[in-house]
Amino acid sequence: MILEVASLQVRPGQESQFEAAFLQAQKIISGMPGFVSHQLQRCLERPDQYLLLVVWQSLEDHEVGFRGSAEYQQWKRLLHHFYEPFPEVLHYRTVEGACSATQAT
């Protein structure tokens, strides 16, 4: 599994419009081959700053499959005009043995 991490800086004053557009865009990404899950987090201290976390089965599922698809063009039309500056997107893999989770009781 690969974790895609994108730090998104949305143009000030456009946060509500961005969130509404993201609700549409998430339907696009969630239907892509290799997609596992996603989260969109909003920063408490900087309300125009978001963190997008997407889990993919492989790097190729994101870089080749999604970004090379017609669906990605729809994603771009919905979201890319909100960003200033354009986000850096990085990919991460879990370090073996360095992962834990708390169980709910």
PDB file of N, CA and C in Angstrom:
ATOM      1  N   MET A   1       0.834  -1.180   0.000  1.00  0.00           N
ATOM      2  CA  MET A   1       0.000   0.000   0.000  1.00  0.00           C
ATOM      3  C   MET A   1       0.881   1.246   0.000  1.00  0.00           C
ATOM      4  N   ILE A   2       0.388   2.283  -0.668  1.00  0.00           N
ATOM      5  CA  ILE A   2       1.088   3.556  -0.787  1.00  0.00           C
ATOM      6  C   ILE A   2       0.174   4.653  -0.251  1.00  0.00           C
ATOM      7  N   LEU A   3       0.746   5.568   0.536  1.00  0.00           N
ATOM      8  CA  LEU A   3       0.000   6.717   1.032  1.00  0.00           C
ATOM      9  C   LEU A   3       0.424   7.946   0.244  1.00  0.00           C
ATOM     10  N   GLU A   4      -0.522   8.532  -0.452  1.00  0.00           N
ATOM     11  CA  GLU A   4      -0.315   9.806  -1.152  1.00  0.00           C
ATOM     12  C   GLU A   4      -0.658  10.917  -0.167  1.00  0.00           C
ATOM     13  N   VAL A   5       0.244  11.890  -0.025  1.00  0.00           N
ATOM     14  CA  VAL A   5       0.030  13.005   0.887  1.00  0.00           C
ATOM     15  C   VAL A   5       0.146  14.302   0.089  1.00  0.00           C
ATOM     16  N   ALA A   6      -0.918  15.093   0.097  1.00  0.00           N
ATOM     17  CA  ALA A   6      -0.916  16.378  -0.599  1.00  0.00           C
ATOM     18  C   ALA A   6      -1.315  17.466   0.383  1.00  0.00           C
ATOM     19  N   SER A   7      -0.424  18.421   0.566  1.00  0.00           N
ATOM     20  CA  SER A   7      -0.723  19.588   1.394  1.00  0.00           C
ATOM     21  C   SER A   7      -1.338  20.635   0.474  1.00  0.00           C
ATOM     22  N   LEU A   8      -2.584  20.988   0.734  1.00  0.00           N
ATOM     23  CA  LEU A   8      -3.351  21.859  -0.153  1.00  0.00           C
ATOM     24  C   LEU A   8      -3.576  23.218   0.494  1.00  0.00           C
ATOM     25  N   GLN A   9      -3.103  24.254  -0.134  1.00  0.00           N
ATOM     26  CA  GLN A   9      -3.376  25.613   0.322  1.00  0.00           C
ATOM     27  C   GLN A   9      -4.446  26.188  -0.606  1.00  0.00           C
ATOM     28  N   VAL A  10      -5.624  26.406  -0.039  1.00  0.00           N
ATOM     29  CA  VAL A  10      -6.763  26.909  -0.805  1.00  0.00           C
ATOM     30  C   VAL A  10      -6.761  28.431  -0.737  1.00  0.00           C
ATOM     31  N   ARG A  11      -7.122  29.060  -1.846  1.00  0.00           N
ATOM     32  CA  ARG A  11      -7.189  30.531  -1.865  1.00  0.00           C
ATOM     33  C   ARG A  11      -8.110  31.017  -0.749  1.00  0.00           C
ATOM     34  N   PRO A  12      -7.651  31.965   0.077  1.00  0.00           N
ATOM     35  CA  PRO A  12      -8.471  32.450   1.194  1.00  0.00           C
ATOM     36  C   PRO A  12      -9.853  32.908   0.729  1.00  0.00           C
ATOM     37  N   GLY A  13     -10.850  32.527   1.502  1.00  0.00           N
ATOM     38  CA  GLY A  13     -12.226  32.884   1.178  1.00  0.00           C
ATOM     39  C   GLY A  13     -12.931  31.886   0.287  1.00  0.00           C
ATOM     40  N   GLN A  14     -12.202  30.886  -0.233  1.00  0.00           N
ATOM     41  CA  GLN A  14     -12.802  29.909  -1.131  1.00  0.00           C
ATOM     42  C   GLN A  14     -12.932  28.520  -0.500  1.00  0.00           C
ATOM     43  N   GLU A  15     -12.776  28.451   0.818  1.00  0.00           N
ATOM     44  CA  GLU A  15     -12.798  27.166   1.506  1.00  0.00           C
ATOM     45  C   GLU A  15     -14.127  26.428   1.332  1.00  0.00           C
ATOM     46  N   SER A  16     -15.235  27.125   1.471  1.00  0.00           N
ATOM     47  CA  SER A  16     -16.554  26.476   1.330  1.00  0.00           C
ATOM     48  C   SER A  16     -16.767  25.941  -0.075  1.00  0.00           C
ATOM     49  N   GLN A  17     -16.385  26.724  -1.073  1.00  0.00           N
ATOM     50  CA  GLN A  17     -16.522  26.282  -2.463  1.00  0.00           C
ATOM     51  C   GLN A  17     -15.614  25.087  -2.737  1.00  0.00           C
ATOM     52  N   PHE A  18     -14.396  25.116  -2.180  1.00  0.00           N
ATOM     53  CA  PHE A  18     -13.469  23.999  -2.351  1.00  0.00           C
ATOM     54  C   PHE A  18     -14.063  22.731  -1.747  1.00  0.00           C
ATOM     55  N   GLU A  19     -14.577  22.832  -0.527  1.00  0.00           N
ATOM     56  CA  GLU A  19     -15.132  21.651   0.131  1.00  0.00           C
ATOM     57  C   GLU A  19     -16.317  21.092  -0.647  1.00  0.00           C
ATOM     58  N   ALA A  20     -17.151  21.946  -1.195  1.00  0.00           N
ATOM     59  CA  ALA A  20     -18.284  21.488  -2.011  1.00  0.00           C
ATOM     60  C   ALA A  20     -17.790  20.788  -3.280  1.00  0.00           C
ATOM     61  N   ALA A  21     -16.771  21.351  -3.920  1.00  0.00           N
ATOM     62  CA  ALA A  21     -16.206  20.738  -5.126  1.00  0.00           C
ATOM     63  C   ALA A  21     -15.550  19.405  -4.781  1.00  0.00           C
ATOM     64  N   PHE A  22     -14.899  19.344  -3.611  1.00  0.00           N
ATOM     65  CA  PHE A  22     -14.255  18.092  -3.224  1.00  0.00           C
ATOM     66  C   PHE A  22     -15.280  16.983  -3.024  1.00  0.00           C
ATOM     67  N   LEU A  23     -16.458  17.320  -2.500  1.00  0.00           N
ATOM     68  CA  LEU A  23     -17.499  16.308  -2.323  1.00  0.00           C
ATOM     69  C   LEU A  23     -17.875  15.668  -3.657  1.00  0.00           C
ATOM     70  N   GLN A  24     -17.826  16.442  -4.728  1.00  0.00           N
ATOM     71  CA  GLN A  24     -18.064  15.891  -6.066  1.00  0.00           C
ATOM     72  C   GLN A  24     -16.849  15.100  -6.543  1.00  0.00           C
ATOM     73  N   ALA A  25     -15.664  15.675  -6.363  1.00  0.00           N
ATOM     74  CA  ALA A  25     -14.438  15.064  -6.875  1.00  0.00           C
ATOM     75  C   ALA A  25     -14.123  13.735  -6.208  1.00  0.00           C
ATOM     76  N   GLN A  26     -14.490  13.585  -4.934  1.00  0.00           N
ATOM     77  CA  GLN A  26     -14.168  12.339  -4.256  1.00  0.00           C
ATOM     78  C   GLN A  26     -14.867  11.140  -4.894  1.00  0.00           C
ATOM     79  N   LYS A  27     -15.991  11.372  -5.555  1.00  0.00           N
ATOM     80  CA  LYS A  27     -16.681  10.291  -6.261  1.00  0.00           C
ATOM     81  C   LYS A  27     -15.842   9.803  -7.439  1.00  0.00           C
ATOM     82  N   ILE A  28     -15.071  10.709  -8.029  1.00  0.00           N
ATOM     83  CA  ILE A  28     -14.211  10.351  -9.160  1.00  0.00           C
ATOM     84  C   ILE A  28     -13.079   9.464  -8.681  1.00  0.00           C
ATOM     85  N   ILE A  29     -12.345   9.935  -7.682  1.00  0.00           N
ATOM     86  CA  ILE A  29     -11.153   9.207  -7.243  1.00  0.00           C
ATOM     87  C   ILE A  29     -11.513   7.870  -6.606  1.00  0.00           C
ATOM     88  N   SER A  30     -12.616   7.817  -5.886  1.00  0.00           N
ATOM     89  CA  SER A  30     -12.964   6.581  -5.186  1.00  0.00           C
ATOM     90  C   SER A  30     -13.368   5.456  -6.132  1.00  0.00           C
ATOM     91  N   GLY A  31     -13.658   5.780  -7.370  1.00  0.00           N
ATOM     92  CA  GLY A  31     -14.003   4.753  -8.349  1.00  0.00           C
ATOM     93  C   GLY A  31     -12.832   4.275  -9.191  1.00  0.00           C
ATOM     94  N   MET A  32     -11.640   4.780  -8.917  1.00  0.00           N
ATOM     95  CA  MET A  32     -10.478   4.437  -9.737  1.00  0.00           C
ATOM     96  C   MET A  32      -9.873   3.095  -9.320  1.00  0.00           C
ATOM     97  N   PRO A  33      -9.375   2.331 -10.294  1.00  0.00           N
ATOM     98  CA  PRO A  33      -8.689   1.077  -9.959  1.00  0.00           C
ATOM     99  C   PRO A  33      -7.491   1.354  -9.042  1.00  0.00           C
ATOM    100  N   GLY A  34      -7.351   0.526  -8.013  1.00  0.00           N
ATOM    101  CA  GLY A  34      -6.243   0.661  -7.084  1.00  0.00           C
ATOM    102  C   GLY A  34      -6.512   1.600  -5.930  1.00  0.00           C
ATOM    103  N   PHE A  35      -7.608   2.350  -5.972  1.00  0.00           N
ATOM    104  CA  PHE A  35      -7.963   3.240  -4.869  1.00  0.00           C
ATOM    105  C   PHE A  35      -8.384   2.397  -3.678  1.00  0.00           C
ATOM    106  N   VAL A  36      -7.906   2.782  -2.471  1.00  0.00           N
ATOM    107  CA  VAL A  36      -8.277   2.077  -1.247  1.00  0.00           C
ATOM    108  C   VAL A  36      -9.138   2.965  -0.344  1.00  0.00           C
ATOM    109  N   SER A  37      -8.651   4.184  -0.039  1.00  0.00           N
ATOM    110  CA  SER A  37      -9.391   5.077   0.843  1.00  0.00           C
ATOM    111  C   SER A  37      -8.811   6.484   0.744  1.00  0.00           C
ATOM    112  N   HIS A  38      -9.550   7.447   1.319  1.00  0.00           N
ATOM    113  CA  HIS A  38      -9.026   8.811   1.375  1.00  0.00           C
ATOM    114  C   HIS A  38      -9.600   9.548   2.580  1.00  0.00           C
ATOM    115  N   GLN A  39      -8.889  10.617   2.953  1.00  0.00           N
ATOM    116  CA  GLN A  39      -9.345  11.546   3.988  1.00  0.00           C
ATOM    117  C   GLN A  39      -8.967  12.944   3.557  1.00  0.00           C
ATOM    118  N   LEU A  40      -9.828  13.882   3.825  1.00  0.00           N
ATOM    119  CA  LEU A  40      -9.499  15.293   3.653  1.00  0.00           C
ATOM    120  C   LEU A  40      -9.576  15.925   5.039  1.00  0.00           C
ATOM    121  N   GLN A  41      -8.460  16.479   5.490  1.00  0.00           N
ATOM    122  CA  GLN A  41      -8.375  17.100   6.807  1.00  0.00           C
ATOM    123  C   GLN A  41      -8.204  18.602   6.628  1.00  0.00           C
ATOM    124  N   ARG A  42      -8.873  19.378   7.489  1.00  0.00           N
ATOM    125  CA  ARG A  42      -8.736  20.840   7.457  1.00  0.00           C
ATOM    126  C   ARG A  42      -7.969  21.286   8.690  1.00  0.00           C
ATOM    127  N   CYS A  43      -7.000  22.154   8.501  1.00  0.00           N
ATOM    128  CA  CYS A  43      -6.163  22.644   9.591  1.00  0.00           C
ATOM    129  C   CYS A  43      -6.958  23.566  10.512  1.00  0.00           C
ATOM    130  N   LEU A  44      -6.800  23.376  11.798  1.00  0.00           N
ATOM    131  CA  LEU A  44      -7.497  24.211  12.783  1.00  0.00           C
ATOM    132  C   LEU A  44      -6.871  25.595  12.887  1.00  0.00           C
ATOM    133  N   GLU A  45      -5.538  25.656  12.830  1.00  0.00           N
ATOM    134  CA  GLU A  45      -4.849  26.941  12.975  1.00  0.00           C
ATOM    135  C   GLU A  45      -4.859  27.774  11.696  1.00  0.00           C
ATOM    136  N   ARG A  46      -4.871  27.116  10.565  1.00  0.00           N
ATOM    137  CA  ARG A  46      -4.872  27.793   9.257  1.00  0.00           C
ATOM    138  C   ARG A  46      -6.021  27.227   8.425  1.00  0.00           C
ATOM    139  N   PRO A  47      -7.205  27.822   8.496  1.00  0.00           N
ATOM    140  CA  PRO A  47      -8.387  27.227   7.866  1.00  0.00           C
ATOM    141  C   PRO A  47      -8.349  27.142   6.342  1.00  0.00           C
ATOM    142  N   ASP A  48      -7.366  27.773   5.711  1.00  0.00           N
ATOM    143  CA  ASP A  48      -7.240  27.634   4.257  1.00  0.00           C
ATOM    144  C   ASP A  48      -6.266  26.514   3.886  1.00  0.00           C
ATOM    145  N   GLN A  49      -5.759  25.783   4.876  1.00  0.00           N
ATOM    146  CA  GLN A  49      -4.789  24.700   4.662  1.00  0.00           C
ATOM    147  C   GLN A  49      -5.484  23.352   4.889  1.00  0.00           C
ATOM    148  N   TYR A  50      -5.322  22.451   3.930  1.00  0.00           N
ATOM    149  CA  TYR A  50      -5.912  21.114   3.996  1.00  0.00           C
ATOM    150  C   TYR A  50      -4.826  20.078   3.771  1.00  0.00           C
ATOM    151  N   LEU A  51      -5.108  18.872   4.237  1.00  0.00           N
ATOM    152  CA  LEU A  51      -4.233  17.740   3.993  1.00  0.00           C
ATOM    153  C   LEU A  51      -5.091  16.642   3.373  1.00  0.00           C
ATOM    154  N   LEU A  52      -4.700  16.222   2.173  1.00  0.00           N
ATOM    155  CA  LEU A  52      -5.391  15.129   1.488  1.00  0.00           C
ATOM    156  C   LEU A  52      -4.529  13.882   1.606  1.00  0.00           C
ATOM    157  N   LEU A  53      -5.115  12.841   2.159  1.00  0.00           N
ATOM    158  CA  LEU A  53      -4.438  11.554   2.330  1.00  0.00           C
ATOM    159  C   LEU A  53      -5.196  10.517   1.515  1.00  0.00           C
ATOM    160  N   VAL A  54      -4.501   9.874   0.580  1.00  0.00           N
ATOM    161  CA  VAL A  54      -5.134   8.860  -0.263  1.00  0.00           C
ATOM    162  C   VAL A  54      -4.287   7.593  -0.201  1.00  0.00           C
ATOM    163  N   VAL A  55      -4.929   6.468   0.068  1.00  0.00           N
ATOM    164  CA  VAL A  55      -4.241   5.187   0.074  1.00  0.00           C
ATOM    165  C   VAL A  55      -4.520   4.499  -1.258  1.00  0.00           C
ATOM    166  N   TRP A  56      -3.432   4.091  -1.906  1.00  0.00           N
ATOM    167  CA  TRP A  56      -3.486   3.378  -3.183  1.00  0.00           C
ATOM    168  C   TRP A  56      -2.860   1.997  -3.005  1.00  0.00           C
ATOM    169  N   GLN A  57      -3.265   1.061  -3.828  1.00  0.00           N
ATOM    170  CA  GLN A  57      -2.646  -0.256  -3.785  1.00  0.00           C
ATOM    171  C   GLN A  57      -1.196  -0.189  -4.265  1.00  0.00           C
ATOM    172  N   SER A  58      -0.912   0.685  -5.244  1.00  0.00           N
ATOM    173  CA  SER A  58       0.460   0.825  -5.754  1.00  0.00           C
ATOM    174  C   SER A  58       0.689   2.259  -6.222  1.00  0.00           C
ATOM    175  N   LEU A  59       1.939   2.626  -6.340  1.00  0.00           N
ATOM    176  CA  LEU A  59       2.296   3.949  -6.862  1.00  0.00           C
ATOM    177  C   LEU A  59       1.781   4.116  -8.287  1.00  0.00           C
ATOM    178  N   GLU A  60       1.859   3.056  -9.074  1.00  0.00           N
ATOM    179  CA  GLU A  60       1.399   3.110 -10.464  1.00  0.00           C
ATOM    180  C   GLU A  60      -0.099   3.366 -10.563  1.00  0.00           C
ATOM    181  N   ASP A  61      -0.864   2.853  -9.595  1.00  0.00           N
ATOM    182  CA  ASP A  61      -2.311   3.113  -9.608  1.00  0.00           C
ATOM    183  C   ASP A  61      -2.592   4.610  -9.555  1.00  0.00           C
ATOM    184  N   HIS A  62      -1.773   5.356  -8.815  1.00  0.00           N
ATOM    185  CA  HIS A  62      -1.958   6.799  -8.740  1.00  0.00           C
ATOM    186  C   HIS A  62      -1.302   7.511  -9.911  1.00  0.00           C
ATOM    187  N   GLU A  63       0.000   7.293 -10.071  1.00  0.00           N
ATOM    188  CA  GLU A  63       0.792   8.054 -11.040  1.00  0.00           C
ATOM    189  C   GLU A  63       0.425   7.758 -12.492  1.00  0.00           C
ATOM    190  N   VAL A  64       0.146   6.520 -12.802  1.00  0.00           N
ATOM    191  CA  VAL A  64      -0.157   6.136 -14.189  1.00  0.00           C
ATOM    192  C   VAL A  64      -1.668   5.991 -14.394  1.00  0.00           C
ATOM    193  N   GLY A  65      -2.291   5.168 -13.539  1.00  0.00           N
ATOM    194  CA  GLY A  65      -3.720   4.889 -13.709  1.00  0.00           C
ATOM    195  C   GLY A  65      -4.597   6.116 -13.544  1.00  0.00           C
ATOM    196  N   PHE A  66      -4.512   6.759 -12.386  1.00  0.00           N
ATOM    197  CA  PHE A  66      -5.378   7.914 -12.136  1.00  0.00           C
ATOM    198  C   PHE A  66      -4.941   9.127 -12.932  1.00  0.00           C
ATOM    199  N   ARG A  67      -3.673   9.507 -12.810  1.00  0.00           N
ATOM    200  CA  ARG A  67      -3.225  10.734 -13.482  1.00  0.00           C
ATOM    201  C   ARG A  67      -3.250  10.622 -15.006  1.00  0.00           C
ATOM    202  N   GLY A  68      -3.260   9.430 -15.532  1.00  0.00           N
ATOM    203  CA  GLY A  68      -3.321   9.254 -16.981  1.00  0.00           C
ATOM    204  C   GLY A  68      -4.733   9.058 -17.506  1.00  0.00           C
ATOM    205  N   SER A  69      -5.717   9.201 -16.641  1.00  0.00           N
ATOM    206  CA  SER A  69      -7.101   8.887 -17.021  1.00  0.00           C
ATOM    207  C   SER A  69      -7.899  10.124 -17.416  1.00  0.00           C
ATOM    208  N   ALA A  70      -8.993   9.877 -18.111  1.00  0.00           N
ATOM    209  CA  ALA A  70      -9.937  10.957 -18.432  1.00  0.00           C
ATOM    210  C   ALA A  70     -10.575  11.490 -17.154  1.00  0.00           C
ATOM    211  N   GLU A  71     -10.756  10.622 -16.156  1.00  0.00           N
ATOM    212  CA  GLU A  71     -11.337  11.042 -14.889  1.00  0.00           C
ATOM    213  C   GLU A  71     -10.466  12.084 -14.183  1.00  0.00           C
ATOM    214  N   TYR A  72      -9.151  11.974 -14.365  1.00  0.00           N
ATOM    215  CA  TYR A  72      -8.245  12.951 -13.755  1.00  0.00           C
ATOM    216  C   TYR A  72      -8.482  14.348 -14.338  1.00  0.00           C
ATOM    217  N   GLN A  73      -8.840  14.423 -15.602  1.00  0.00           N
ATOM    218  CA  GLN A  73      -9.142  15.723 -16.207  1.00  0.00           C
ATOM    219  C   GLN A  73     -10.360  16.354 -15.534  1.00  0.00           C
ATOM    220  N   GLN A  74     -11.347  15.548 -15.181  1.00  0.00           N
ATOM    221  CA  GLN A  74     -12.513  16.052 -14.435  1.00  0.00           C
ATOM    222  C   GLN A  74     -12.085  16.534 -13.046  1.00  0.00           C
ATOM    223  N   TRP A  75     -11.244  15.748 -12.387  1.00  0.00           N
ATOM    224  CA  TRP A  75     -10.707  16.088 -11.057  1.00  0.00           C
ATOM    225  C   TRP A  75     -10.017  17.444 -11.117  1.00  0.00           C
ATOM    226  N   LYS A  76      -9.170  17.631 -12.113  1.00  0.00           N
ATOM    227  CA  LYS A  76      -8.442  18.893 -12.282  1.00  0.00           C
ATOM    228  C   LYS A  76      -9.411  20.061 -12.460  1.00  0.00           C
ATOM    229  N   ARG A  77     -10.413  19.882 -13.315  1.00  0.00           N
ATOM    230  CA  ARG A  77     -11.384  20.959 -13.568  1.00  0.00           C
ATOM    231  C   ARG A  77     -12.132  21.351 -12.290  1.00  0.00           C
ATOM    232  N   LEU A  78     -12.425  20.372 -11.462  1.00  0.00           N
ATOM    233  CA  LEU A  78     -13.164  20.643 -10.230  1.00  0.00           C
ATOM    234  C   LEU A  78     -12.314  21.316  -9.152  1.00  0.00           C
ATOM    235  N   LEU A  79     -11.018  20.951  -9.059  1.00  0.00           N
ATOM    236  CA  LEU A  79     -10.246  21.333  -7.876  1.00  0.00           C
ATOM    237  C   LEU A  79      -9.030  22.218  -8.095  1.00  0.00           C
ATOM    238  N   HIS A  80      -8.323  22.079  -9.181  1.00  0.00           N
ATOM    239  CA  HIS A  80      -7.002  22.704  -9.294  1.00  0.00           C
ATOM    240  C   HIS A  80      -7.020  24.227  -9.250  1.00  0.00           C
ATOM    241  N   HIS A  81      -8.112  24.856  -9.624  1.00  0.00           N
ATOM    242  CA  HIS A  81      -8.157  26.327  -9.600  1.00  0.00           C
ATOM    243  C   HIS A  81      -8.262  26.901  -8.187  1.00  0.00           C
ATOM    244  N   PHE A  82      -8.479  26.051  -7.186  1.00  0.00           N
ATOM    245  CA  PHE A  82      -8.558  26.520  -5.795  1.00  0.00           C
ATOM    246  C   PHE A  82      -7.194  26.690  -5.139  1.00  0.00           C
ATOM    247  N   TYR A  83      -6.139  26.088  -5.705  1.00  0.00           N
ATOM    248  CA  TYR A  83      -4.850  26.010  -5.017  1.00  0.00           C
ATOM    249  C   TYR A  83      -3.937  27.182  -5.346  1.00  0.00           C
ATOM    250  N   GLU A  84      -3.313  27.721  -4.285  1.00  0.00           N
ATOM    251  CA  GLU A  84      -2.300  28.766  -4.453  1.00  0.00           C
ATOM    252  C   GLU A  84      -1.349  28.709  -3.267  1.00  0.00           C
ATOM    253  N   PRO A  85      -0.151  28.184  -3.459  1.00  0.00           N
ATOM    254  CA  PRO A  85       0.453  27.658  -4.680  1.00  0.00           C
ATOM    255  C   PRO A  85      -0.041  26.235  -4.975  1.00  0.00           C
ATOM    256  N   PHE A  86       0.385  25.723  -6.125  1.00  0.00           N
ATOM    257  CA  PHE A  86       0.005  24.363  -6.484  1.00  0.00           C
ATOM    258  C   PHE A  86       0.668  23.389  -5.510  1.00  0.00           C
ATOM    259  N   PRO A  87      -0.060  22.378  -5.052  1.00  0.00           N
ATOM    260  CA  PRO A  87       0.464  21.502  -3.996  1.00  0.00           C
ATOM    261  C   PRO A  87       1.572  20.567  -4.452  1.00  0.00           C
ATOM    262  N   GLU A  88       2.436  20.261  -3.497  1.00  0.00           N
ATOM    263  CA  GLU A  88       3.416  19.199  -3.682  1.00  0.00           C
ATOM    264  C   GLU A  88       2.748  17.906  -3.234  1.00  0.00           C
ATOM    265  N   VAL A  89       2.893  16.859  -4.030  1.00  0.00           N
ATOM    266  CA  VAL A  89       2.312  15.560  -3.717  1.00  0.00           C
ATOM    267  C   VAL A  89       3.459  14.576  -3.526  1.00  0.00           C
ATOM    268  N   LEU A  90       3.457  13.913  -2.372  1.00  0.00           N
ATOM    269  CA  LEU A  90       4.495  12.935  -2.050  1.00  0.00           C
ATOM    270  C   LEU A  90       3.840  11.597  -1.736  1.00  0.00           C
ATOM    271  N   HIS A  91       4.623  10.528  -1.879  1.00  0.00           N
ATOM    272  CA  HIS A  91       4.124   9.179  -1.648  1.00  0.00           C
ATOM    273  C   HIS A  91       4.959   8.504  -0.559  1.00  0.00           C
ATOM    274  N   TYR A  92       4.296   7.748   0.318  1.00  0.00           N
ATOM    275  CA  TYR A  92       4.945   7.112   1.454  1.00  0.00           C
ATOM    276  C   TYR A  92       4.567   5.638   1.532  1.00  0.00           C
ATOM    277  N   ARG A  93       5.494   4.862   2.068  1.00  0.00           N
ATOM    278  CA  ARG A  93       5.262   3.449   2.347  1.00  0.00           C
ATOM    279  C   ARG A  93       5.531   3.234   3.827  1.00  0.00           C
ATOM    280  N   THR A  94       4.723   2.417   4.495  1.00  0.00           N
ATOM    281  CA  THR A  94       4.897   2.135   5.919  1.00  0.00           C
ATOM    282  C   THR A  94       6.229   1.434   6.155  1.00  0.00           C
ATOM    283  N   VAL A  95       6.928   1.874   7.179  1.00  0.00           N
ATOM    284  CA  VAL A  95       8.157   1.220   7.596  1.00  0.00           C
ATOM    285  C   VAL A  95       7.760  -0.057   8.328  1.00  0.00           C
ATOM    286  N   GLU A  96       8.269  -1.175   7.854  1.00  0.00           N
ATOM    287  CA  GLU A  96       7.908  -2.467   8.430  1.00  0.00           C
ATOM    288  C   GLU A  96       8.130  -2.486   9.939  1.00  0.00           C
ATOM    289  N   GLY A  97       7.109  -2.910  10.673  1.00  0.00           N
ATOM    290  CA  GLY A  97       7.190  -3.025  12.116  1.00  0.00           C
ATOM    291  C   GLY A  97       6.968  -1.724  12.863  1.00  0.00           C
ATOM    292  N   ALA A  98       6.795  -0.617  12.151  1.00  0.00           N
ATOM    293  CA  ALA A  98       6.660   0.691  12.797  1.00  0.00           C
ATOM    294  C   ALA A  98       5.246   1.235  12.630  1.00  0.00           C
ATOM    295  N   CYS A  99       4.260   0.401  12.950  1.00  0.00           N
ATOM    296  CA  CYS A  99       2.876   0.804  12.794  1.00  0.00           C
ATOM    297  C   CYS A  99       2.065   0.205  13.930  1.00  0.00           C
ATOM    298  N   SER A 100       1.162   0.999  14.486  1.00  0.00           N
ATOM    299  CA  SER A 100       0.276   0.489  15.525  1.00  0.00           C
ATOM    300  C   SER A 100      -1.043   1.236  15.456  1.00  0.00           C
ATOM    301  N   ALA A 101      -2.030   0.672  16.114  1.00  0.00           N
ATOM    302  CA  ALA A 101      -3.331   1.311  16.185  1.00  0.00           C
ATOM    303  C   ALA A 101      -3.942   1.018  17.550  1.00  0.00           C
ATOM    304  N   THR A 102      -4.719   1.942  18.040  1.00  0.00           N
ATOM    305  CA  THR A 102      -5.416   1.764  19.306  1.00  0.00           C
ATOM    306  C   THR A 102      -6.775   1.149  19.016  1.00  0.00           C
ATOM    307  N   GLN A 103      -7.115   0.138  19.759  1.00  0.00           N
ATOM    308  CA  GLN A 103      -8.427  -0.491  19.574  1.00  0.00           C
ATOM    309  C   GLN A 103      -9.460   0.240  20.419  1.00  0.00           C
ATOM    310  N   ALA A 104     -10.605   0.468  19.837  1.00  0.00           N
ATOM    311  CA  ALA A 104     -11.719   1.081  20.573  1.00  0.00           C
ATOM    312  C   ALA A 104     -12.340   0.040  21.493  1.00  0.00           C
ATOM    313  N   THR A 105     -12.727   0.455  22.675  1.00  0.00           N
ATOM    314  CA  THR A 105     -13.344  -0.482  23.615  1.00  0.00           C
ATOM    315  C   THR A 105     -14.808  -0.198  23.770  1.00  0.00           C
TER     316      THR A 105
END
